[in-house]
Protein backbone atom coordinates (compact mmCIF):
# COMPACT_ATOMS: atom_id res chain seq x y z
CA MET A 1 7.08 -16.47 -10.29
CA VAL A 2 6.55 -14.97 -13.73
CA LEU A 3 3.67 -17.36 -14.37
CA LEU A 4 2.20 -16.58 -10.94
CA ALA A 5 2.19 -12.86 -11.81
CA PHE A 6 0.51 -13.67 -15.12
CA PHE A 7 -2.22 -15.90 -13.73
CA VAL A 8 -3.05 -13.85 -10.63
CA ASN A 9 -3.39 -10.62 -12.59
CA SER A 10 -5.32 -12.33 -15.37
CA PHE A 11 -7.87 -13.55 -12.82
CA ILE A 12 -8.10 -10.03 -11.39
CA TYR A 13 -8.63 -8.37 -14.78
CA PHE A 14 -10.89 -10.97 -16.40
CA GLY A 15 -12.71 -12.38 -13.39
CA PHE A 16 -13.97 -9.21 -11.69
CA ALA A 17 -15.82 -6.11 -12.85
CA ASN A 18 -13.92 -2.99 -11.84
CA VAL A 19 -15.97 -0.58 -9.70
CA TYR A 20 -13.28 1.97 -8.87
CA SER A 21 -11.69 3.08 -12.15
CA THR A 22 -14.63 2.99 -14.55
CA SER A 23 -14.19 6.68 -15.42
CA ILE A 24 -10.97 6.12 -17.41
CA LEU A 25 -11.94 3.03 -19.38
CA ASN A 26 -12.47 4.87 -22.63
CA HIS A 27 -10.01 6.79 -24.76
CA ALA A 28 -11.53 10.26 -24.41
CA ASP A 29 -11.85 10.15 -20.63
CA PHE A 30 -8.36 8.67 -20.27
CA ILE A 31 -6.88 11.55 -22.28
CA THR A 32 -8.83 14.08 -20.22
CA GLN A 33 -7.57 12.73 -16.89
CA PHE A 34 -4.02 11.72 -17.72
CA HIS A 35 -3.16 14.79 -19.74
CA SER A 36 -3.94 17.17 -16.87
CA GLY A 37 -2.85 17.85 -13.29
CA ILE A 38 0.05 15.81 -11.94
CA TYR A 39 -0.86 12.94 -14.28
CA GLN A 40 0.49 14.84 -17.29
CA TYR A 41 4.04 14.49 -15.96
CA ARG A 42 3.83 10.68 -15.92
CA ILE A 43 4.37 10.42 -19.62
CA LEU A 44 6.18 7.16 -20.30
CA SER A 45 3.56 4.53 -19.46
CA GLY A 46 0.73 6.74 -20.67
CA GLN A 47 2.31 6.82 -24.11
CA LEU A 48 2.95 3.06 -24.00
CA LEU A 49 -0.72 2.47 -23.20
CA LEU A 50 -1.89 4.66 -26.09
CA TRP A 51 0.53 2.85 -28.42
CA ILE A 52 -0.95 -0.52 -27.38
CA TYR A 53 -4.43 0.94 -27.85
CA ASP A 54 -3.54 2.05 -31.39
CA VAL A 55 -2.03 -1.35 -32.23
CA LEU A 56 -5.17 -3.14 -31.01
CA GLY A 57 -7.20 -0.76 -33.15
CA ARG A 58 -5.45 -2.10 -36.26
CA LEU A 59 -6.35 -5.68 -35.39
CA ASN A 60 -9.68 -7.33 -36.11
CA ILE A 61 -10.45 -8.47 -32.56
CA ASP A 62 -13.82 -9.75 -31.43
CA TYR A 63 -13.83 -8.35 -27.88
CA SER A 64 -16.99 -10.28 -26.99
CA ILE A 65 -14.87 -13.41 -26.47
CA PHE A 66 -13.42 -11.84 -23.30
CA LYS A 67 -16.89 -11.40 -21.78
CA PHE A 68 -15.92 -8.14 -20.08
CA LYS A 69 -18.47 -6.72 -17.64
CA PHE A 70 -18.46 -2.93 -17.26
CA LEU A 71 -20.50 -0.76 -14.91
CA ASN A 72 -20.10 2.29 -17.17
CA GLU A 73 -21.72 2.03 -20.60
CA ASN A 74 -18.97 4.26 -22.05
CA SER A 75 -16.22 1.79 -21.16
CA GLU A 76 -14.23 0.41 -24.08
CA PRO A 77 -13.05 -3.21 -24.16
CA LYS A 78 -10.07 -2.06 -26.22
CA MET A 79 -8.92 0.37 -23.52
CA TYR A 80 -9.40 -2.23 -20.78
CA LEU A 81 -7.46 -4.84 -22.75
CA SER A 82 -4.71 -2.27 -23.37
CA LEU A 83 -4.38 -1.69 -19.61
CA TYR A 84 -4.29 -5.44 -19.06
CA ILE A 85 -1.53 -6.01 -21.62
CA LEU A 86 0.60 -3.13 -20.32
CA ASN A 87 0.25 -3.93 -16.63
CA VAL A 88 0.54 -7.70 -16.87
CA THR A 89 3.66 -7.37 -19.02
CA PHE A 90 5.35 -5.21 -16.37
CA ALA A 91 3.99 -7.46 -13.60
CA MET A 92 5.77 -10.44 -15.14
CA LEU A 93 8.96 -8.44 -15.70
CA SER A 94 8.86 -7.26 -12.08
CA ALA A 95 8.41 -10.84 -10.86
CA TRP A 96 11.41 -11.94 -12.92
CA ILE A 97 13.68 -9.21 -11.52
CA LEU A 98 12.46 -9.93 -7.98
CA TYR A 99 13.44 -13.57 -8.45
CA LEU A 100 16.90 -12.50 -9.64
CA ILE A 101 17.29 -10.23 -6.60
CA PHE A 102 16.24 -12.87 -4.09
CA THR A 103 18.51 -15.53 -5.55
CA THR A 104 21.69 -13.49 -5.11
CA LYS A 105 24.03 -14.31 -2.22
CA GLU A 106 23.16 -11.06 -0.43
CA PHE A 107 19.86 -12.55 0.78
CA ILE A 108 19.76 -14.81 3.81
CA ALA A 109 16.71 -17.01 3.35
CA THR A 110 15.90 -20.55 2.34
CA HIS A 111 14.67 -21.25 -1.17
CA THR A 112 11.14 -21.76 0.17
CA GLU A 113 11.23 -18.48 2.12
CA LYS A 114 12.36 -16.58 -0.97
CA LEU A 115 9.56 -18.01 -3.10
CA LEU A 116 6.96 -17.24 -0.44
CA MET A 117 8.16 -13.64 0.02
CA ILE A 118 8.09 -13.02 -3.73
CA SER A 119 4.61 -14.56 -3.81
CA VAL A 120 3.45 -12.16 -1.06
CA ILE A 121 4.68 -9.23 -3.14
CA ILE A 122 2.99 -10.50 -6.32
CA MET A 123 -0.32 -11.18 -4.56
CA THR A 124 -0.36 -7.80 -2.83
CA MET A 125 0.46 -5.97 -6.06
CA ALA A 126 -2.42 -7.78 -7.75
CA LEU A 127 -4.79 -6.93 -4.88
CA SER A 128 -4.01 -3.24 -5.40
CA GLN A 129 -5.28 -3.44 -9.00
CA PHE A 130 -8.78 -2.35 -8.07
CA VAL A 131 -7.23 1.00 -9.01
CA LEU A 132 -6.35 0.89 -12.71
CA VAL A 133 -3.59 3.22 -13.87
CA PRO A 134 -0.94 2.74 -16.57
CA TYR A 135 2.11 3.56 -14.47
CA ASP A 136 2.03 1.49 -11.25
CA TYR A 137 3.37 -1.82 -12.48
CA SER A 138 5.93 -0.16 -14.70
CA SER A 139 7.12 1.92 -11.72
CA TYR A 140 7.58 -1.29 -9.69
CA PHE A 141 9.62 -2.75 -12.53
CA PHE A 142 11.90 0.28 -12.76
CA MET A 143 12.34 0.29 -9.01
CA VAL A 144 13.28 -3.39 -8.62
CA LEU A 145 15.56 -3.13 -11.65
CA PHE A 146 17.24 -0.14 -10.00
CA ILE A 147 17.65 -2.15 -6.77
CA TYR A 148 19.15 -5.07 -8.69
CA GLY A 149 21.51 -2.73 -10.52
CA TYR A 150 22.49 -0.89 -7.35
CA LEU A 151 23.40 -4.16 -5.62
CA TYR A 152 25.70 -4.93 -8.53
CA TYR A 153 27.16 -1.41 -8.46
CA SER A 154 27.73 -1.67 -4.69
CA LYS A 155 29.89 -4.76 -5.25
CA THR A 156 31.82 -3.56 -8.29
CA ASN A 157 31.92 0.26 -8.23
CA SER A 158 31.53 -0.01 -12.00
CA LYS A 159 31.24 3.36 -13.72
CA ILE A 160 29.18 1.75 -16.49
CA ALA A 161 26.77 0.36 -13.88
CA PHE A 162 26.50 3.82 -12.28
CA LEU A 163 25.72 5.36 -15.68
CA GLY A 164 23.11 2.68 -16.29
CA LEU A 165 21.49 3.47 -12.94
CA ALA A 166 21.42 7.16 -13.81
CA LEU A 167 19.68 6.46 -17.13
CA LEU A 168 17.27 4.10 -15.40
CA LEU A 169 16.39 6.78 -12.83
CA ILE A 170 15.64 9.21 -15.66
CA LEU A 171 13.25 6.73 -17.29
CA ALA A 172 11.64 5.92 -13.95
CA THR A 173 11.04 9.60 -13.19
CA LEU A 174 9.54 10.14 -16.65
CA ASN A 175 7.18 7.34 -15.70
CA ARG A 176 6.21 8.35 -12.14
CA GLU A 177 7.67 10.58 -9.43
CA SER A 178 7.66 7.68 -6.95
CA SER A 179 11.10 7.01 -8.46
CA ALA A 180 12.23 9.21 -5.56
CA LEU A 181 12.09 6.00 -3.50
CA SER A 182 15.17 4.87 -5.40
CA LEU A 183 16.98 7.70 -3.60
CA SER A 184 15.63 6.34 -0.31
CA TRP A 185 17.08 2.95 -1.22
CA VAL A 186 20.48 4.44 -2.09
CA ALA A 187 20.56 6.44 1.15
CA THR A 188 19.60 3.41 3.25
CA ILE A 189 22.17 1.05 1.74
CA THR A 190 25.12 3.37 1.35
CA ILE A 191 24.82 5.01 4.78
CA HIS A 192 24.43 1.67 6.57
CA ARG A 193 27.43 0.31 4.69
CA LYS A 194 29.79 3.27 4.68
CA GLY A 195 28.28 5.87 6.99
CA LEU A 196 28.29 9.51 5.91
CA SER A 197 31.42 9.03 3.86
CA ARG A 198 32.46 11.08 0.87
CA LYS A 199 31.37 8.32 -1.51
CA SER A 200 27.97 8.00 0.19
CA ILE A 201 27.32 11.71 -0.10
CA ILE A 202 28.43 11.77 -3.74
CA ASP A 203 26.18 8.83 -4.71
CA ILE A 204 23.14 10.27 -2.96
CA THR A 205 23.76 13.77 -4.34
CA VAL A 206 24.22 12.65 -7.95
CA PHE A 207 21.03 10.60 -7.96
CA ALA A 208 19.15 13.40 -6.19
CA ILE A 209 20.28 15.91 -8.84
CA ILE A 210 19.14 13.57 -11.61
CA PHE A 211 15.72 13.09 -10.04
CA ILE A 212 15.20 16.79 -9.30
CA GLY A 213 16.42 17.74 -12.77
CA VAL A 214 13.91 15.47 -14.52
CA TYR A 215 11.14 16.34 -12.05
CA LEU A 216 11.57 20.09 -12.59
CA GLY A 217 12.30 19.71 -16.30
CA LEU A 218 8.96 18.01 -16.96
CA ARG A 219 7.15 20.90 -15.31
CA LEU A 220 9.16 23.60 -17.09
CA ILE A 221 8.52 21.96 -20.46
CA ASN A 222 4.78 21.95 -19.75
CA GLY A 223 4.90 25.61 -18.83
CA HIS A 224 3.41 25.30 -15.34
CA PHE A 225 4.39 23.81 -12.01
CA SER A 226 2.24 21.37 -10.06
CA THR A 227 3.20 18.88 -7.35
CA ASN A 228 -0.25 17.63 -6.32
CA ASP A 229 -3.94 17.81 -7.19
CA GLY A 230 -5.23 19.08 -3.86
CA ASN A 231 -5.25 18.62 -0.10
CA LEU A 232 -6.83 15.32 0.95
CA LEU A 233 -5.33 15.23 4.44
CA LEU A 234 -8.66 15.63 6.26
CA GLU A 235 -10.37 12.99 4.11
CA ASN A 236 -7.55 10.53 4.75
CA PHE A 237 -8.15 10.69 8.50
CA THR A 238 -11.94 10.92 8.51
CA GLN A 239 -13.30 8.75 5.69
CA PRO A 240 -13.73 5.08 6.71
CA LYS A 241 -12.33 3.67 3.46
CA ASN A 242 -9.16 5.75 3.78
CA ILE A 243 -8.73 4.71 7.41
CA LEU A 244 -9.13 1.12 6.21
CA GLY A 245 -6.40 1.66 3.62
CA PHE A 246 -4.07 3.19 6.20
CA GLY A 247 -4.71 0.28 8.57
CA PHE A 248 -3.89 -2.24 5.84
CA CYS A 249 -0.63 -0.45 4.98
CA LEU A 250 0.28 -0.40 8.67
CA LEU A 251 -0.36 -4.15 8.78
CA LEU A 252 1.96 -4.63 5.78
CA PHE A 253 4.65 -2.61 7.57
CA ILE A 254 4.35 -4.83 10.66
CA LEU A 255 4.50 -7.89 8.41
CA THR A 256 7.86 -6.81 6.97
CA LEU A 257 9.24 -6.37 10.49
CA CYS A 258 8.08 -9.88 11.35
CA LEU A 259 9.76 -11.23 8.21
CA ALA A 260 13.07 -9.58 9.10
CA LYS A 261 15.88 -12.01 9.83
CA SER A 262 17.23 -9.99 12.76
CA LYS A 263 17.28 -6.56 14.36
CA ALA A 264 19.84 -5.48 11.73
CA GLN A 265 17.27 -5.99 8.98
CA GLN A 266 14.56 -4.30 11.05
CA LYS A 267 16.86 -1.31 11.38
CA LEU A 268 17.22 -1.22 7.59
CA ILE A 269 13.43 -1.20 7.21
CA PHE A 270 13.03 1.64 9.70
CA SER A 271 15.81 3.59 7.98
CA PHE A 272 14.19 3.14 4.59
CA HIS A 273 10.86 4.43 5.92
CA PHE A 274 12.69 7.43 7.39
CA PHE A 275 14.29 8.29 4.04
CA ALA A 276 10.94 7.69 2.33
CA LEU A 277 9.15 10.21 4.57
CA PRO A 278 8.80 12.89 1.84
CA TYR A 279 6.98 10.37 -0.37
CA MET A 280 4.78 9.12 2.47
CA LEU A 281 3.90 12.63 3.66
CA MET A 282 2.86 13.54 0.12
CA CYS A 283 0.67 10.42 0.03
CA PHE A 284 -1.05 11.57 3.24
CA TYR A 285 -1.45 15.10 1.88
CA SER A 286 -2.65 14.53 -1.68
CA GLY A 287 -3.03 10.77 -2.15
CA ILE A 288 -6.00 8.57 -1.35
CA LEU A 289 -4.94 6.12 1.35
CA TYR A 290 -7.65 3.67 0.33
CA GLU A 291 -5.52 3.16 -2.79
CA ILE A 292 -3.09 0.75 -1.16
CA ARG A 293 -1.00 0.84 -4.35
CA LEU A 294 0.69 3.92 -2.86
CA TYR A 295 2.39 1.73 -0.25
CA ILE A 296 3.30 -1.12 -2.59
CA PRO A 297 6.75 0.25 -3.64
CA ILE A 298 7.65 0.70 0.04
CA LEU A 299 6.42 -2.82 0.78
CA ILE A 300 8.58 -4.25 -2.01
CA CYS A 301 11.71 -2.50 -0.72
CA SER A 302 10.94 -3.45 2.89
CA ILE A 303 10.53 -7.15 2.09
CA ILE A 304 13.81 -7.10 0.19
CA LEU A 305 15.51 -5.35 3.12
CA SER A 306 14.02 -7.87 5.56
CA ARG A 307 16.51 -10.48 4.38
CA LEU A 308 19.34 -8.37 2.99
CA ASP A 309 22.74 -9.02 4.56
CA LEU A 310 24.93 -5.97 3.93
CA GLY A 311 27.94 -7.97 5.07
CA ASN A 312 27.68 -10.06 1.91
CA ILE A 313 28.00 -6.96 -0.29
CA LYS A 314 31.75 -6.75 -0.71
CA ASN A 315 33.76 -4.64 -3.13
């Protein structure tokens, strides 16, 4: 699975000329875009990308060997290669954690089914890479690592595991605010397992406080508050490409329901989408639905839920 993530994304990055994200493929334009608006709060992967860019700058690399084809004459091979290194590294790490998740006893599927479902996730993530940003793949990694850790915590009630999850949520929120979907995961699992019990409410509340604290803290430190870069609601329902993106995401949602082992797993998927409504509504309001990457984290969680047997999580 790790090799699949490497090869698929390598073909995407080296085999096709990008037509969608050409405006950020040089250092100056990247700084301009990702140090303003809501992008300025997604600091972790942005800094990692610039670090890779600086390291490559110290190496004597002949970029002509990669035979990159750019539509914008200002594009830098060094910036493009930096994005490739960052995203493919996290793609492989995400594939590894996904494999670990699917091979635990909580998942009711044959070995072949598990490999095929992971492959669907990897292929769909790679397809979404017509939009190049430094934080998508890293956000998938943090999310699947959180899921893996939360499954362990659910079985052990380990305080150390809970602390690790809290620290992981902080890092994930410093990377991208889609970390809020980790709260949707916690709410889905804990409520379906224990109902609205005291422990369920405590777990959800603690993680919510952590997320909100980091989310607000980033904006207070920057001296101004911004949650979006404008209202795109009308465009999302009138522009053909955005309608196409919405239709594709709807198809992915139906696919996860078809993959579900039983009605119990379908109920988990519906519950997760319910708890993820704030994220999805924000995507409709200020996201670009043509960018199917916005639905990828929900797809990942839904495919995992499609074969998750809560009865096997015992503590």
